[in-house]
C-alpha atoms as a PDB file:
ATOM      1  CA  MET A   1      79.023 107.297  65.880  1.00  0.00           C
ATOM      2  CA  SER A   2      78.612 109.804  68.703  1.00  0.00           C
ATOM      3  CA  ILE A   3      79.556 109.005  72.303  1.00  0.00           C
ATOM      4  CA  SER A   4      77.253 110.343  74.999  1.00  0.00           C
ATOM      5  CA  ASN A   5      79.019 111.987  77.925  1.00  0.00           C
ATOM      6  CA  SER A   6      75.971 113.220  79.819  1.00  0.00           C
ATOM      7  CA  VAL A   7      75.485 112.737  83.550  1.00  0.00           C
ATOM      8  CA  ARG A   8      72.515 110.531  84.335  1.00  0.00           C
ATOM      9  CA  ALA A   9      70.701 109.560  87.518  1.00  0.00           C
ATOM     10  CA  VAL A  10      71.007 105.974  88.733  1.00  0.00           C
ATOM     11  CA  SER A  11      69.432 103.766  91.377  1.00  0.00           C
ATOM     12  CA  VAL A  12      71.986 101.853  93.425  1.00  0.00           C
ATOM     13  CA  SER A  13      71.182  98.183  93.967  1.00  0.00           C
ATOM     14  CA  GLY A  14      72.876  95.050  95.221  1.00  0.00           C
ATOM     15  CA  ASN A  15      75.917  94.753  97.449  1.00  0.00           C
ATOM     16  CA  PRO A  16      77.408  98.276  97.805  1.00  0.00           C
ATOM     17  CA  ARG A  17      81.006  97.050  98.031  1.00  0.00           C
ATOM     18  CA  GLU A  18      80.642  95.017  94.826  1.00  0.00           C
ATOM     19  CA  TYR A  19      78.822  97.924  93.165  1.00  0.00           C
ATOM     20  CA  GLU A  20      81.718 100.269  93.967  1.00  0.00           C
ATOM     21  CA  ASP A  21      84.261  97.683  92.799  1.00  0.00           C
ATOM     22  CA  VAL A  22      82.645  97.768  89.338  1.00  0.00           C
ATOM     23  CA  HIS A  23      81.622 101.425  89.039  1.00  0.00           C
ATOM     24  CA  VAL A  24      84.476 103.122  90.905  1.00  0.00           C
ATOM     25  CA  HIS A  25      87.620 101.083  91.597  1.00  0.00           C
ATOM     26  CA  ALA A  26      87.830  99.138  88.331  1.00  0.00           C
ATOM     27  CA  VAL A  27      87.191 102.332  86.366  1.00  0.00           C
ATOM     28  CA  TYR A  28      89.985 104.313  88.016  1.00  0.00           C
ATOM     29  CA  ASP A  29      92.467 101.520  87.451  1.00  0.00           C
ATOM     30  CA  GLU A  30      91.567 101.617  83.735  1.00  0.00           C
ATOM     31  CA  ILE A  31      91.729 105.401  83.306  1.00  0.00           C
ATOM     32  CA  ALA A  32      94.523 106.116  85.836  1.00  0.00           C
ATOM     33  CA  SER A  33      97.100 107.551  83.431  1.00  0.00           C
ATOM     34  CA  HIS A  34      94.645 109.739  81.497  1.00  0.00           C
ATOM     35  CA  PHE A  35      92.898 110.828  84.709  1.00  0.00           C
ATOM     36  CA  SER A  36      96.192 111.801  86.331  1.00  0.00           C
ATOM     37  CA  SER A  37      97.155 113.966  83.347  1.00  0.00           C
ATOM     38  CA  THR A  38      94.090 116.139  84.038  1.00  0.00           C
ATOM     39  CA  ARG A  39      94.621 116.449  87.801  1.00  0.00           C
ATOM     40  CA  TYR A  40      97.599 118.633  88.623  1.00  0.00           C
ATOM     41  CA  LYS A  41      96.403 122.005  90.009  1.00  0.00           C
ATOM     42  CA  PRO A  42      95.588 122.121  93.762  1.00  0.00           C
ATOM     43  CA  TRP A  43      92.334 123.791  94.781  1.00  0.00           C
ATOM     44  CA  PRO A  44      92.947 127.037  96.749  1.00  0.00           C
ATOM     45  CA  ILE A  45      91.197 126.222 100.040  1.00  0.00           C
ATOM     46  CA  ILE A  46      92.974 122.842 100.276  1.00  0.00           C
ATOM     47  CA  ALA A  47      96.354 124.464  99.643  1.00  0.00           C
ATOM     48  CA  GLU A  48      95.561 127.118 102.287  1.00  0.00           C
ATOM     49  CA  PHE A  49      94.526 124.434 104.782  1.00  0.00           C
ATOM     50  CA  LEU A  50      97.801 122.534 104.350  1.00  0.00           C
ATOM     51  CA  SER A  51      99.836 125.736 104.527  1.00  0.00           C
ATOM     52  CA  SER A  52      98.199 126.597 107.873  1.00  0.00           C
ATOM     53  CA  LEU A  53      99.363 123.402 109.605  1.00  0.00           C
ATOM     54  CA  PRO A  54     102.263 123.444 112.110  1.00  0.00           C
ATOM     55  CA  THR A  55     105.695 122.311 110.994  1.00  0.00           C
ATOM     56  CA  GLY A  56     106.399 118.656 111.734  1.00  0.00           C
ATOM     57  CA  TRP A  57     102.820 117.406 111.494  1.00  0.00           C
ATOM     58  CA  VAL A  58     102.140 114.074 109.801  1.00  0.00           C
ATOM     59  CA  GLY A  59      98.909 113.568 107.880  1.00  0.00           C
ATOM     60  CA  LEU A  60      96.755 111.309 105.750  1.00  0.00           C
ATOM     61  CA  ASP A  61      95.332 111.884 102.275  1.00  0.00           C
ATOM     62  CA  SER A  62      92.419 109.449 102.225  1.00  0.00           C
ATOM     63  CA  GLY A  63      91.669 108.812  98.560  1.00  0.00           C
ATOM     64  CA  ALA A  64      94.941 110.335  97.367  1.00  0.00           C
ATOM     65  CA  GLY A  65      94.491 109.509  93.670  1.00  0.00           C
ATOM     66  CA  ASN A  66      97.584 110.606  91.738  1.00  0.00           C
ATOM     67  CA  GLY A  67      99.027 112.265  94.855  1.00  0.00           C
ATOM     68  CA  LYS A  68      98.878 115.892  93.744  1.00  0.00           C
ATOM     69  CA  TYR A  69      98.422 117.054  97.357  1.00  0.00           C
ATOM     70  CA  LEU A  70     101.236 114.959  98.837  1.00  0.00           C
ATOM     71  CA  PRO A  71     104.037 117.497  98.087  1.00  0.00           C
ATOM     72  CA  LEU A  72     102.123 120.470  99.569  1.00  0.00           C
ATOM     73  CA  PRO A  73     102.706 123.054 100.866  1.00  0.00           C
ATOM     74  CA  TYR A  74     105.104 124.100  98.112  1.00  0.00           C
ATOM     75  CA  ASP A  75     106.361 127.093 100.116  1.00  0.00           C
ATOM     76  CA  ARG A  76     107.447 124.837 103.021  1.00  0.00           C
ATOM     77  CA  PRO A  77     108.970 121.741 101.396  1.00  0.00           C
ATOM     78  CA  GLY A  78     109.625 118.894 103.799  1.00  0.00           C
ATOM     79  CA  GLN A  79     107.914 120.570 106.752  1.00  0.00           C
ATOM     80  CA  LEU A  80     104.797 118.369 106.532  1.00  0.00           C
ATOM     81  CA  TRP A  81     104.595 114.686 105.647  1.00  0.00           C
ATOM     82  CA  THR A  82     101.393 113.391 104.062  1.00  0.00           C
ATOM     83  CA  ILE A  83     100.817 109.677 103.482  1.00  0.00           C
ATOM     84  CA  GLY A  84      98.513 108.715 100.603  1.00  0.00           C
ATOM     85  CA  LEU A  85      95.799 106.041 100.810  1.00  0.00           C
ATOM     86  CA  ASP A  86      93.870 104.790  97.774  1.00  0.00           C
ATOM     87  CA  ARG A  87      92.166 101.695  96.320  1.00  0.00           C
ATOM     88  CA  SER A  88      93.607 102.180  92.826  1.00  0.00           C
ATOM     89  CA  ARG A  89      97.038 100.546  92.537  1.00  0.00           C
ATOM     90  CA  ASN A  90      97.619 102.273  89.205  1.00  0.00           C
ATOM     91  CA  LEU A  91      96.989 105.721  90.662  1.00  0.00           C
ATOM     92  CA  LEU A  92      99.165 104.901  93.682  1.00  0.00           C
ATOM     93  CA  ARG A  93     102.063 104.044  91.373  1.00  0.00           C
ATOM     94  CA  ILE A  94     101.793 107.585  90.010  1.00  0.00           C
ATOM     95  CA  ALA A  95     101.353 109.070  93.507  1.00  0.00           C
ATOM     96  CA  GLN A  96     104.590 107.430  94.673  1.00  0.00           C
ATOM     97  CA  GLY A  97     106.546 109.898  92.572  1.00  0.00           C
ATOM     98  CA  ALA A  98     104.418 112.994  93.176  1.00  0.00           C
ATOM     99  CA  GLY A  99     106.459 116.172  93.053  1.00  0.00           C
ATOM    100  CA  GLY A 100     109.486 114.306  91.744  1.00  0.00           C
ATOM    101  CA  GLU A 101     110.239 112.655  95.086  1.00  0.00           C
ATOM    102  CA  LEU A 102     109.464 109.270  96.632  1.00  0.00           C
ATOM    103  CA  ARG A 103     106.185 109.419  98.609  1.00  0.00           C
ATOM    104  CA  GLU A 104     104.722 107.072 101.187  1.00  0.00           C
ATOM    105  CA  VAL A 105     101.504 105.496  99.885  1.00  0.00           C
ATOM    106  CA  VAL A 106      99.255 102.731 101.198  1.00  0.00           C
ATOM    107  CA  TRP A 107      96.884 100.548  99.215  1.00  0.00           C
ATOM    108  CA  GLY A 108      93.630 100.350 101.157  1.00  0.00           C
ATOM    109  CA  ASP A 109      90.004 101.329 101.634  1.00  0.00           C
ATOM    110  CA  VAL A 110      88.908 104.726 102.964  1.00  0.00           C
ATOM    111  CA  LEU A 111      86.457 102.900 105.252  1.00  0.00           C
ATOM    112  CA  ASP A 112      89.257 101.116 107.092  1.00  0.00           C
ATOM    113  CA  VAL A 113      91.555 102.362 109.874  1.00  0.00           C
ATOM    114  CA  PRO A 114      94.667 100.171 109.459  1.00  0.00           C
ATOM    115  CA  TRP A 115      96.677 102.222 111.980  1.00  0.00           C
ATOM    116  CA  ARG A 116      96.215 103.080 115.631  1.00  0.00           C
ATOM    117  CA  HIS A 117      93.493 105.638 116.362  1.00  0.00           C
ATOM    118  CA  GLY A 118      94.833 109.167 116.489  1.00  0.00           C
ATOM    119  CA  ALA A 119      97.980 108.306 114.522  1.00  0.00           C
ATOM    120  CA  PHE A 120      97.818 111.445 112.339  1.00  0.00           C
ATOM    121  CA  ASP A 121      97.800 115.148 113.104  1.00  0.00           C
ATOM    122  CA  TYR A 122      95.602 115.938 110.111  1.00  0.00           C
ATOM    123  CA  ALA A 123      93.692 114.299 107.276  1.00  0.00           C
ATOM    124  CA  ILE A 124      92.251 115.367 103.947  1.00  0.00           C
ATOM    125  CA  SER A 125      89.711 113.535 101.806  1.00  0.00           C
ATOM    126  CA  ILE A 126      89.303 115.241  98.450  1.00  0.00           C
ATOM    127  CA  ALA A 127      86.693 114.098  95.892  1.00  0.00           C
ATOM    128  CA  THR A 128      86.510 110.621  97.421  1.00  0.00           C
ATOM    129  CA  ILE A 129      83.588 110.133  99.815  1.00  0.00           C
ATOM    130  CA  HIS A 130      81.130 110.935  97.024  1.00  0.00           C
ATOM    131  CA  HIS A 131      82.125 107.621  95.370  1.00  0.00           C
ATOM    132  CA  LEU A 132      80.580 105.603  98.241  1.00  0.00           C
ATOM    133  CA  SER A 133      77.167 104.330  97.261  1.00  0.00           C
ATOM    134  CA  THR A 134      75.177 104.522 100.516  1.00  0.00           C
ATOM    135  CA  SER A 135      74.758 107.189 103.184  1.00  0.00           C
ATOM    136  CA  ALA A 136      75.887 104.682 105.856  1.00  0.00           C
ATOM    137  CA  ARG A 137      79.171 104.046 104.039  1.00  0.00           C
ATOM    138  CA  ARG A 138      79.753 107.767 103.532  1.00  0.00           C
ATOM    139  CA  ARG A 139      79.185 108.317 107.267  1.00  0.00           C
ATOM    140  CA  ASP A 140      81.604 105.481 108.079  1.00  0.00           C
ATOM    141  CA  ALA A 141      84.257 107.103 105.883  1.00  0.00           C
ATOM    142  CA  VAL A 142      84.000 110.315 107.903  1.00  0.00           C
ATOM    143  CA  LYS A 143      84.227 108.267 111.113  1.00  0.00           C
ATOM    144  CA  SER A 144      87.404 106.648 109.792  1.00  0.00           C
ATOM    145  CA  LEU A 145      88.909 110.104 109.216  1.00  0.00           C
ATOM    146  CA  LEU A 146      87.979 111.241 112.723  1.00  0.00           C
ATOM    147  CA  HIS A 147      89.388 108.040 114.224  1.00  0.00           C
ATOM    148  CA  SER A 148      92.632 108.558 112.291  1.00  0.00           C
ATOM    149  CA  ILE A 149      93.444 112.043 113.609  1.00  0.00           C
ATOM    150  CA  SER A 150      94.558 113.096 117.073  1.00  0.00           C
ATOM    151  CA  PRO A 151      91.681 113.441 119.582  1.00  0.00           C
ATOM    152  CA  ASP A 152      93.503 116.434 121.091  1.00  0.00           C
ATOM    153  CA  HIS A 153      94.268 118.621 118.061  1.00  0.00           C
ATOM    154  CA  GLY A 154      93.504 116.675 114.853  1.00  0.00           C
ATOM    155  CA  ARG A 155      92.217 118.603 111.850  1.00  0.00           C
ATOM    156  CA  ALA A 156      90.409 117.263 108.793  1.00  0.00           C
ATOM    157  CA  LEU A 157      89.223 118.719 105.488  1.00  0.00           C
ATOM    158  CA  ILE A 158      86.663 116.962 103.262  1.00  0.00           C
ATOM    159  CA  TYR A 159      85.619 117.860  99.695  1.00  0.00           C
ATOM    160  CA  VAL A 160      82.764 116.329  97.670  1.00  0.00           C
ATOM    161  CA  TRP A 161      81.042 117.185  94.405  1.00  0.00           C
ATOM    162  CA  ALA A 162      77.929 119.325  94.701  1.00  0.00           C
ATOM    163  CA  VAL A 163      74.545 119.202  93.030  1.00  0.00           C
ATOM    164  CA  GLU A 164      74.977 122.948  92.511  1.00  0.00           C
ATOM    165  CA  GLN A 165      77.467 123.344  89.646  1.00  0.00           C
ATOM    166  CA  ASP A 166      79.160 126.614  88.704  1.00  0.00           C
ATOM    167  CA  SER A 167      78.933 128.354  85.349  1.00  0.00           C
ATOM    168  CA  LYS A 168      82.190 126.791  84.083  1.00  0.00           C
ATOM    169  CA  SER A 169      81.066 123.224  84.718  1.00  0.00           C
ATOM    170  CA  LYS A 170      80.034 121.082  81.755  1.00  0.00           C
ATOM    171  CA  ARG A 171      78.045 118.738  84.011  1.00  0.00           C
ATOM    172  CA  VAL A 172      74.270 119.036  84.153  1.00  0.00           C
ATOM    173  CA  ILE A 173      73.024 117.228  87.254  1.00  0.00           C
ATOM    174  CA  PRO A 174      69.649 115.522  86.781  1.00  0.00           C
ATOM    175  CA  SER A 175      66.943 115.747  89.394  1.00  0.00           C
ATOM    176  CA  ALA A 176      65.975 112.525  91.159  1.00  0.00           C
ATOM    177  CA  GLN A 177      63.781 111.295  93.962  1.00  0.00           C
ATOM    178  CA  PRO A 178      65.655 111.191  97.303  1.00  0.00           C
ATOM    179  CA  GLU A 179      66.487 107.810  98.836  1.00  0.00           C
ATOM    180  CA  ASP A 180      64.236 108.468 101.812  1.00  0.00           C
ATOM    181  CA  GLN A 181      61.280 110.705 100.970  1.00  0.00           C
ATOM    182  CA  SER A 182      60.259 110.875 104.638  1.00  0.00           C
ATOM    183  CA  SER A 183      63.623 112.350 105.668  1.00  0.00           C
ATOM    184  CA  THR A 184      63.867 116.035 106.539  1.00  0.00           C
ATOM    185  CA  GLU A 185      67.660 116.040 106.085  1.00  0.00           C
ATOM    186  CA  PRO A 186      69.233 117.279 102.821  1.00  0.00           C
ATOM    187  CA  GLN A 187      69.752 114.517 100.277  1.00  0.00           C
ATOM    188  CA  GLY A 188      71.736 114.584  97.064  1.00  0.00           C
ATOM    189  CA  VAL A 189      71.513 112.668  93.802  1.00  0.00           C
ATOM    190  CA  ASP A 190      73.139 109.373  92.754  1.00  0.00           C
ATOM    191  CA  VAL A 191      74.546 109.592  89.229  1.00  0.00           C
ATOM    192  CA  PHE A 192      76.875 108.078  86.679  1.00  0.00           C
ATOM    193  CA  VAL A 193      79.489 110.547  85.419  1.00  0.00           C
ATOM    194  CA  PRO A 194      81.185 109.278  82.233  1.00  0.00           C
ATOM    195  CA  TRP A 195      84.888 109.376  81.496  1.00  0.00           C
ATOM    196  CA  VAL A 196      85.559 109.255  77.758  1.00  0.00           C
ATOM    197  CA  LEU A 197      88.869 107.591  76.961  1.00  0.00           C
ATOM    198  CA  SER A 198      89.917 108.060  73.310  1.00  0.00           C
ATOM    199  CA  ASP A 199      92.397 105.931  71.403  1.00  0.00           C
ATOM    200  CA  ARG A 200      94.279 108.571  69.436  1.00  0.00           C
ATOM    201  CA  THR A 201      96.899 106.206  68.057  1.00  0.00           C
ATOM    202  CA  ALA A 202      96.501 106.258  64.288  1.00  0.00           C
ATOM    203  CA  ALA A 203      96.303 102.889  62.560  1.00  0.00           C
ATOM    204  CA  PRO A 204      99.039 102.251  59.957  1.00  0.00           C
ATOM    205  CA  GLU A 205      98.067 102.770  56.346  1.00  0.00           C
ATOM    206  CA  GLU A 206      97.280  99.575  54.444  1.00  0.00           C
ATOM    207  CA  LYS A 207      99.702  99.015  51.540  1.00  0.00           C
ATOM    208  CA  ARG A 208      98.129  98.805  48.090  1.00  0.00           C
ATOM    209  CA  PRO A 209      99.491  97.766  44.705  1.00  0.00           C
ATOM    210  CA  ALA A 210     101.133 100.540  42.703  1.00  0.00           C
ATOM    211  CA  GLY A 211      98.658 102.625  40.739  1.00  0.00           C
ATOM    212  CA  GLN A 212      95.632 101.596  42.758  1.00  0.00           C
ATOM    213  CA  HIS A 213      93.683 104.531  44.140  1.00  0.00           C
ATOM    214  CA  GLU A 214      93.011 104.605  47.884  1.00  0.00           C
ATOM    215  CA  ALA A 215      89.334 104.275  48.675  1.00  0.00           C
ATOM    216  CA  ALA A 216      87.874 107.236  50.505  1.00  0.00           C
ATOM    217  CA  ARG A 217      87.700 106.605  54.248  1.00  0.00           C
ATOM    218  CA  SER A 218      84.482 107.467  55.997  1.00  0.00           C
ATOM    219  CA  GLU A 219      84.303 110.192  58.632  1.00  0.00           C
ATOM    220  CA  ASP A 220      83.649 107.588  61.328  1.00  0.00           C
ATOM    221  CA  GLU A 221      86.790 105.662  60.322  1.00  0.00           C
ATOM    222  CA  LEU A 222      88.892 108.810  60.718  1.00  0.00           C
ATOM    223  CA  LYS A 223      87.628 109.560  64.214  1.00  0.00           C
ATOM    224  CA  PRO A 224      89.636 108.213  67.161  1.00  0.00           C
ATOM    225  CA  LYS A 225      88.067 105.216  68.822  1.00  0.00           C
ATOM    226  CA  ALA A 226      86.624 105.957  72.247  1.00  0.00           C
ATOM    227  CA  LYS A 227      85.405 104.028  75.242  1.00  0.00           C
ATOM    228  CA  VAL A 228      83.137 105.435  77.923  1.00  0.00           C
ATOM    229  CA  TYR A 229      83.572 104.458  81.576  1.00  0.00           C
ATOM    230  CA  ASP A 230      80.715 105.274  83.960  1.00  0.00           C
ATOM    231  CA  ARG A 231      81.855 106.367  87.423  1.00  0.00           C
ATOM    232  CA  PHE A 232      79.433 106.384  90.337  1.00  0.00           C
ATOM    233  CA  TYR A 233      79.010 109.645  92.258  1.00  0.00           C
ATOM    234  CA  HIS A 234      76.710 110.817  95.013  1.00  0.00           C
ATOM    235  CA  MET A 235      76.279 114.533  94.277  1.00  0.00           C
ATOM    236  CA  PHE A 236      75.811 116.288  97.616  1.00  0.00           C
ATOM    237  CA  ALA A 237      72.998 118.738  98.348  1.00  0.00           C
ATOM    238  CA  LYS A 238      73.442 121.942 100.339  1.00  0.00           C
ATOM    239  CA  GLY A 239      73.945 121.147 104.032  1.00  0.00           C
ATOM    240  CA  GLU A 240      74.328 117.406 103.452  1.00  0.00           C
ATOM    241  CA  LEU A 241      78.081 117.188 104.006  1.00  0.00           C
ATOM    242  CA  GLU A 242      78.002 119.122 107.278  1.00  0.00           C
ATOM    243  CA  GLN A 243      75.097 116.959 108.456  1.00  0.00           C
ATOM    244  CA  LEU A 244      77.062 113.838 107.496  1.00  0.00           C
ATOM    245  CA  ALA A 245      80.031 115.031 109.578  1.00  0.00           C
ATOM    246  CA  THR A 246      77.750 115.769 112.529  1.00  0.00           C
ATOM    247  CA  ASP A 247      76.118 112.333 112.313  1.00  0.00           C
ATOM    248  CA  ALA A 248      79.516 110.624 112.148  1.00  0.00           C
ATOM    249  CA  ALA A 249      80.833 112.504 115.185  1.00  0.00           C
ATOM    250  CA  GLN A 250      77.720 111.814 117.225  1.00  0.00           C
ATOM    251  CA  ALA A 251      77.868 108.123 116.298  1.00  0.00           C
ATOM    252  CA  MET A 252      81.344 108.118 117.872  1.00  0.00           C
ATOM    253  CA  GLY A 253      79.972 109.678 121.047  1.00  0.00           C
ATOM    254  CA  LEU A 254      81.644 113.029 120.385  1.00  0.00           C
ATOM    255  CA  TYR A 255      80.223 116.419 121.304  1.00  0.00           C
ATOM    256  CA  VAL A 256      79.669 118.595 118.210  1.00  0.00           C
ATOM    257  CA  GLY A 257      80.612 122.206 118.801  1.00  0.00           C
ATOM    258  CA  PRO A 258      83.519 124.417 119.873  1.00  0.00           C
ATOM    259  CA  ARG A 259      85.567 123.644 122.945  1.00  0.00           C
ATOM    260  CA  ASP A 260      84.634 125.804 125.941  1.00  0.00           C
ATOM    261  CA  THR A 261      87.616 125.821 128.282  1.00  0.00           C
ATOM    262  CA  ASP A 262      85.711 127.823 130.902  1.00  0.00           C
ATOM    263  CA  SER A 263      82.859 125.336 131.248  1.00  0.00           C
ATOM    264  CA  MET A 264      83.211 122.852 134.091  1.00  0.00           C
ATOM    265  CA  ALA A 265      80.508 120.753 132.420  1.00  0.00           C
ATOM    266  CA  MET A 266      82.940 119.997 129.552  1.00  0.00           C
ATOM    267  CA  GLU A 267      85.649 118.551 131.760  1.00  0.00           C
ATOM    268  CA  GLY A 268      86.770 115.160 130.429  1.00  0.00           C
ATOM    269  CA  MET A 269      84.809 115.519 127.192  1.00  0.00           C
ATOM    270  CA  SER A 270      85.858 114.880 123.580  1.00  0.00           C
ATOM    271  CA  GLY A 271      84.380 116.762 120.679  1.00  0.00           C
ATOM    272  CA  VAL A 272      84.495 117.953 117.078  1.00  0.00           C
ATOM    273  CA  GLU A 273      84.191 121.541 115.941  1.00  0.00           C
ATOM    274  CA  VAL A 274      83.096 122.536 112.442  1.00  0.00           C
ATOM    275  CA  CYS A 275      85.680 125.236 111.691  1.00  0.00           C
ATOM    276  CA  GLN A 276      84.361 126.153 108.266  1.00  0.00           C
ATOM    277  CA  SER A 277      82.085 124.818 105.566  1.00  0.00           C
ATOM    278  CA  GLY A 278      80.933 126.054 102.222  1.00  0.00           C
ATOM    279  CA  TRP A 279      80.805 125.691  98.448  1.00  0.00           C
ATOM    280  CA  GLU A 280      83.717 126.193  96.060  1.00  0.00           C
ATOM    281  CA  ARG A 281      83.842 125.536  92.314  1.00  0.00           C
ATOM    282  CA  SER A 282      81.062 122.921  92.203  1.00  0.00           C
ATOM    283  CA  ASN A 283      82.206 121.301  95.465  1.00  0.00           C
ATOM    284  CA  TYR A 284      81.072 121.338  99.076  1.00  0.00           C
ATOM    285  CA  TYR A 285      83.712 121.272 101.788  1.00  0.00           C
ATOM    286  CA  VAL A 286      83.875 121.059 105.564  1.00  0.00           C
ATOM    287  CA  GLU A 287      86.827 121.526 107.917  1.00  0.00           C
ATOM    288  CA  LEU A 288      86.723 119.712 111.265  1.00  0.00           C
ATOM    289  CA  ARG A 289      88.854 120.004 114.374  1.00  0.00           C
ATOM    290  CA  ARG A 290      88.968 117.447 117.190  1.00  0.00           C
ATOM    291  CA  TRP A 291      89.470 118.514 120.805  1.00  0.00           C
ATOM    292  CA  ARG A 292      89.576 116.961 124.261  1.00  0.00           C
ATOM    293  CA  THR A 293      89.384 118.646 127.673  1.00  0.00           C
END
């Protein structure tokens, strides 16, 4: 029996929180150990971002997973302190010991802000927001990040999976009708991405009477048993993540653009600057910086 592991388009329906409970949170709790074993190498731009931060800053990893970014930067151990937030208790148990040391982790939702606004100097959200099933919830997650970082100097970096996959990717993203066909803004594709979990524990041989020949076992019986878990993803289109960040900032009443210290018109204003954005290894990313005059 073959197990299909192809990406397929889906249409989200029902209560989005309940939908994500089934197709995101429950899945990660089931596959936590296997998932963690495949997630150990930091992506270059994220490592560079963390290495660029001033000594003594405290930050948030919103959707920390197995905590692979909590010990960074490796070249400055102990000079930053990142707290991990995730909905999967099983992944958080792994994240607690990331890098061989005890880490601070919090069980919670990336849409919530369970601390005072501006509590952190920086925040990262890596491969997390794409698991939210509506554009409104994805926008609210970005707002939560912006609320969490300092309004004077806070920095944030967000990564999401892209519709445009690189040549090394095994995922083929199907085309689909956008949620709102009248919209002129870039819109991605809602999909299920399977995670195949194999049971590679061999079953003990059945004992037979002496002299009795063992019956030939079929090819299917010799294959490891496998179970497929479908994870929900919103695959982002070009320009969609930056537009999402802009919409979130404007919904908070923030000016979007660089700080102009010479402009009298900006006195007493708060804003968000897009420091960089782009595509890397089948992902879109955006770096944001908050400022206040």
